Amino acid sequence: MSRQNHGLTTLFIGLAAAGGAVIALVLAPQSGKQMRRTLRRKYEGARDTVEDLGNRASDWIDKGSELADKAKRKIA
């Protein structure tokens, strides 16, 4: 499996898990105030995770660009 397909698969699994978690929270017997608090915490946690993954991806892209530049210099 290529890296791009692996990344998309991971993304879809993560989205499905997040969707399942939201559905479970909505169907759980809680008061509205508790549910909103729980959803807010879960949302903030997911947002932090996505932000962290974005930062990692950016780092990987930068490292890949550096390696490509080194390879170009060696060839030239």
N, C-alpha and C. Protein backbone atom coordinates (compact mmCIF):
# COMPACT_ATOMS: atom_id res chain seq x y z
N MET A 1 0.85 -1.17 0.00
CA MET A 1 0.00 0.00 0.00
C MET A 1 0.90 1.24 0.00
N SER A 2 0.57 2.21 -0.83
CA SER A 2 1.39 3.41 -0.89
C SER A 2 1.18 4.25 0.36
N ARG A 3 2.11 5.17 0.60
CA ARG A 3 2.00 6.04 1.78
C ARG A 3 0.75 6.90 1.72
N GLN A 4 0.39 7.38 0.52
CA GLN A 4 -0.78 8.23 0.39
C GLN A 4 -2.04 7.43 0.73
N ASN A 5 -2.14 6.21 0.23
CA ASN A 5 -3.30 5.38 0.54
C ASN A 5 -3.35 5.05 2.02
N HIS A 6 -2.19 4.81 2.61
CA HIS A 6 -2.13 4.51 4.04
C HIS A 6 -2.60 5.71 4.84
N GLY A 7 -2.19 6.90 4.43
CA GLY A 7 -2.61 8.13 5.11
C GLY A 7 -4.11 8.34 5.00
N LEU A 8 -4.67 8.10 3.81
CA LEU A 8 -6.12 8.26 3.63
C LEU A 8 -6.89 7.23 4.45
N THR A 9 -6.38 6.02 4.48
CA THR A 9 -7.04 4.98 5.27
C THR A 9 -7.04 5.36 6.75
N THR A 10 -5.91 5.84 7.23
CA THR A 10 -5.81 6.27 8.62
C THR A 10 -6.77 7.42 8.91
N LEU A 11 -6.85 8.37 7.97
CA LEU A 11 -7.76 9.50 8.13
C LEU A 11 -9.21 9.02 8.22
N PHE A 12 -9.62 8.14 7.32
CA PHE A 12 -11.00 7.65 7.33
C PHE A 12 -11.31 6.85 8.59
N ILE A 13 -10.37 6.06 9.06
CA ILE A 13 -10.58 5.31 10.29
C ILE A 13 -10.74 6.27 11.47
N GLY A 14 -9.90 7.31 11.50
CA GLY A 14 -10.01 8.31 12.56
C GLY A 14 -11.34 9.04 12.52
N LEU A 15 -11.79 9.41 11.32
CA LEU A 15 -13.09 10.09 11.19
C LEU A 15 -14.23 9.18 11.61
N ALA A 16 -14.16 7.91 11.22
CA ALA A 16 -15.20 6.96 11.61
C ALA A 16 -15.23 6.78 13.13
N ALA A 17 -14.05 6.70 13.74
CA ALA A 17 -13.99 6.56 15.20
C ALA A 17 -14.56 7.79 15.89
N ALA A 18 -14.22 8.98 15.37
CA ALA A 18 -14.74 10.21 15.95
C ALA A 18 -16.26 10.28 15.80
N GLY A 19 -16.75 9.89 14.63
CA GLY A 19 -18.20 9.87 14.40
C GLY A 19 -18.89 8.90 15.34
N GLY A 20 -18.31 7.74 15.53
CA GLY A 20 -18.88 6.76 16.45
C GLY A 20 -18.88 7.27 17.88
N ALA A 21 -17.83 7.97 18.26
CA ALA A 21 -17.76 8.52 19.61
C ALA A 21 -18.84 9.58 19.82
N VAL A 22 -19.05 10.43 18.81
CA VAL A 22 -20.09 11.45 18.93
C VAL A 22 -21.47 10.81 19.02
N ILE A 23 -21.73 9.81 18.21
CA ILE A 23 -23.02 9.12 18.26
C ILE A 23 -23.22 8.47 19.63
N ALA A 24 -22.19 7.83 20.15
CA ALA A 24 -22.29 7.20 21.47
C ALA A 24 -22.58 8.24 22.55
N LEU A 25 -21.94 9.39 22.45
CA LEU A 25 -22.16 10.44 23.44
C LEU A 25 -23.58 11.00 23.35
N VAL A 26 -24.07 11.16 22.13
CA VAL A 26 -25.41 11.71 21.94
C VAL A 26 -26.47 10.74 22.47
N LEU A 27 -26.23 9.46 22.28
CA LEU A 27 -27.22 8.47 22.71
C LEU A 27 -27.09 8.09 24.19
N ALA A 28 -26.00 8.47 24.82
CA ALA A 28 -25.79 8.14 26.23
C ALA A 28 -26.75 8.95 27.11
N PRO A 29 -27.23 8.35 28.17
CA PRO A 29 -28.18 9.06 29.04
C PRO A 29 -27.45 10.06 29.95
N GLN A 30 -27.37 11.31 29.50
CA GLN A 30 -26.76 12.38 30.28
C GLN A 30 -27.65 13.61 30.18
N SER A 31 -27.44 14.52 31.10
CA SER A 31 -28.16 15.78 30.99
C SER A 31 -27.55 16.59 29.86
N GLY A 32 -28.27 17.56 29.37
CA GLY A 32 -27.79 18.39 28.27
C GLY A 32 -26.51 19.11 28.62
N LYS A 33 -26.42 19.62 29.85
CA LYS A 33 -25.23 20.35 30.28
C LYS A 33 -24.01 19.43 30.31
N GLN A 34 -24.18 18.23 30.85
CA GLN A 34 -23.07 17.27 30.91
C GLN A 34 -22.65 16.87 29.51
N MET A 35 -23.62 16.65 28.62
CA MET A 35 -23.31 16.22 27.27
C MET A 35 -22.55 17.31 26.53
N ARG A 36 -22.97 18.55 26.67
CA ARG A 36 -22.27 19.64 26.01
C ARG A 36 -20.84 19.76 26.52
N ARG A 37 -20.65 19.60 27.81
CA ARG A 37 -19.30 19.65 28.40
C ARG A 37 -18.44 18.51 27.85
N THR A 38 -19.01 17.32 27.80
CA THR A 38 -18.28 16.16 27.30
C THR A 38 -17.93 16.34 25.83
N LEU A 39 -18.89 16.80 25.03
CA LEU A 39 -18.64 17.02 23.61
C LEU A 39 -17.57 18.09 23.39
N ARG A 40 -17.61 19.14 24.20
CA ARG A 40 -16.61 20.20 24.08
C ARG A 40 -15.22 19.65 24.38
N ARG A 41 -15.10 18.83 25.42
CA ARG A 41 -13.80 18.25 25.76
C ARG A 41 -13.29 17.33 24.65
N LYS A 42 -14.20 16.51 24.13
CA LYS A 42 -13.81 15.59 23.06
C LYS A 42 -13.41 16.38 21.82
N TYR A 43 -14.15 17.44 21.50
CA TYR A 43 -13.83 18.26 20.34
C TYR A 43 -12.46 18.91 20.51
N GLU A 44 -12.19 19.45 21.68
CA GLU A 44 -10.90 20.09 21.92
C GLU A 44 -9.77 19.08 21.83
N GLY A 45 -9.99 17.88 22.35
CA GLY A 45 -8.98 16.83 22.25
C GLY A 45 -8.73 16.44 20.81
N ALA A 46 -9.80 16.29 20.03
CA ALA A 46 -9.65 15.93 18.62
C ALA A 46 -8.97 17.05 17.85
N ARG A 47 -9.31 18.30 18.16
CA ARG A 47 -8.70 19.44 17.48
C ARG A 47 -7.19 19.47 17.76
N ASP A 48 -6.82 19.21 19.00
CA ASP A 48 -5.39 19.19 19.36
C ASP A 48 -4.66 18.06 18.63
N THR A 49 -5.33 16.91 18.53
CA THR A 49 -4.73 15.77 17.84
C THR A 49 -4.52 16.08 16.36
N VAL A 50 -5.54 16.67 15.72
CA VAL A 50 -5.43 17.00 14.30
C VAL A 50 -4.35 18.06 14.09
N GLU A 51 -4.27 19.03 14.98
CA GLU A 51 -3.24 20.06 14.88
C GLU A 51 -1.85 19.44 15.01
N ASP A 52 -1.70 18.50 15.94
CA ASP A 52 -0.42 17.81 16.13
C ASP A 52 -0.05 17.01 14.88
N LEU A 53 -1.04 16.31 14.31
CA LEU A 53 -0.78 15.54 13.09
C LEU A 53 -0.40 16.46 11.95
N GLY A 54 -1.03 17.62 11.86
CA GLY A 54 -0.67 18.59 10.83
C GLY A 54 0.76 19.08 10.99
N ASN A 55 1.15 19.32 12.23
CA ASN A 55 2.54 19.74 12.48
C ASN A 55 3.53 18.65 12.10
N ARG A 56 3.19 17.41 12.42
CA ARG A 56 4.08 16.30 12.06
C ARG A 56 4.19 16.18 10.55
N ALA A 57 3.05 16.29 9.86
CA ALA A 57 3.06 16.19 8.40
C ALA A 57 3.92 17.30 7.81
N SER A 58 3.81 18.49 8.35
CA SER A 58 4.62 19.61 7.87
C SER A 58 6.10 19.33 8.07
N ASP A 59 6.44 18.76 9.22
CA ASP A 59 7.84 18.41 9.49
C ASP A 59 8.33 17.36 8.49
N TRP A 60 7.48 16.36 8.19
CA TRP A 60 7.87 15.32 7.23
C TRP A 60 8.07 15.91 5.84
N ILE A 61 7.20 16.84 5.47
CA ILE A 61 7.33 17.48 4.16
C ILE A 61 8.63 18.26 4.09
N ASP A 62 8.93 19.00 5.15
CA ASP A 62 10.19 19.76 5.18
C ASP A 62 11.40 18.83 5.09
N LYS A 63 11.36 17.74 5.83
CA LYS A 63 12.47 16.79 5.80
C LYS A 63 12.61 16.16 4.41
N GLY A 64 11.49 15.83 3.80
CA GLY A 64 11.51 15.27 2.44
C GLY A 64 12.09 16.25 1.44
N SER A 65 11.72 17.52 1.58
CA SER A 65 12.26 18.55 0.68
C SER A 65 13.77 18.68 0.86
N GLU A 66 14.22 18.65 2.11
CA GLU A 66 15.66 18.73 2.37
C GLU A 66 16.39 17.55 1.75
N LEU A 67 15.84 16.35 1.91
CA LEU A 67 16.47 15.16 1.32
C LEU A 67 16.49 15.24 -0.20
N ALA A 68 15.41 15.74 -0.79
CA ALA A 68 15.36 15.89 -2.25
C ALA A 68 16.40 16.90 -2.72
N ASP A 69 16.56 18.01 -1.98
CA ASP A 69 17.56 19.00 -2.34
C ASP A 69 18.98 18.42 -2.26
N LYS A 70 19.23 17.62 -1.21
CA LYS A 70 20.55 16.98 -1.08
C LYS A 70 20.81 16.04 -2.26
N ALA A 71 19.79 15.29 -2.62
CA ALA A 71 19.95 14.36 -3.75
C ALA A 71 20.21 15.11 -5.05
N LYS A 72 19.52 16.22 -5.25
CA LYS A 72 19.74 17.03 -6.46
C LYS A 72 21.17 17.56 -6.49
N ARG A 73 21.68 18.02 -5.35
CA ARG A 73 23.04 18.55 -5.31
C ARG A 73 24.08 17.46 -5.59
N LYS A 74 23.81 16.24 -5.12
CA LYS A 74 24.75 15.15 -5.36
C LYS A 74 24.78 14.77 -6.84
N ILE A 75 23.62 14.83 -7.47
CA ILE A 75 23.54 14.45 -8.88
C ILE A 75 24.18 15.52 -9.76
N ALA A 76 23.99 16.77 -9.40
CA ALA A 76 24.48 17.88 -10.25
C ALA A 76 25.96 18.08 -10.15
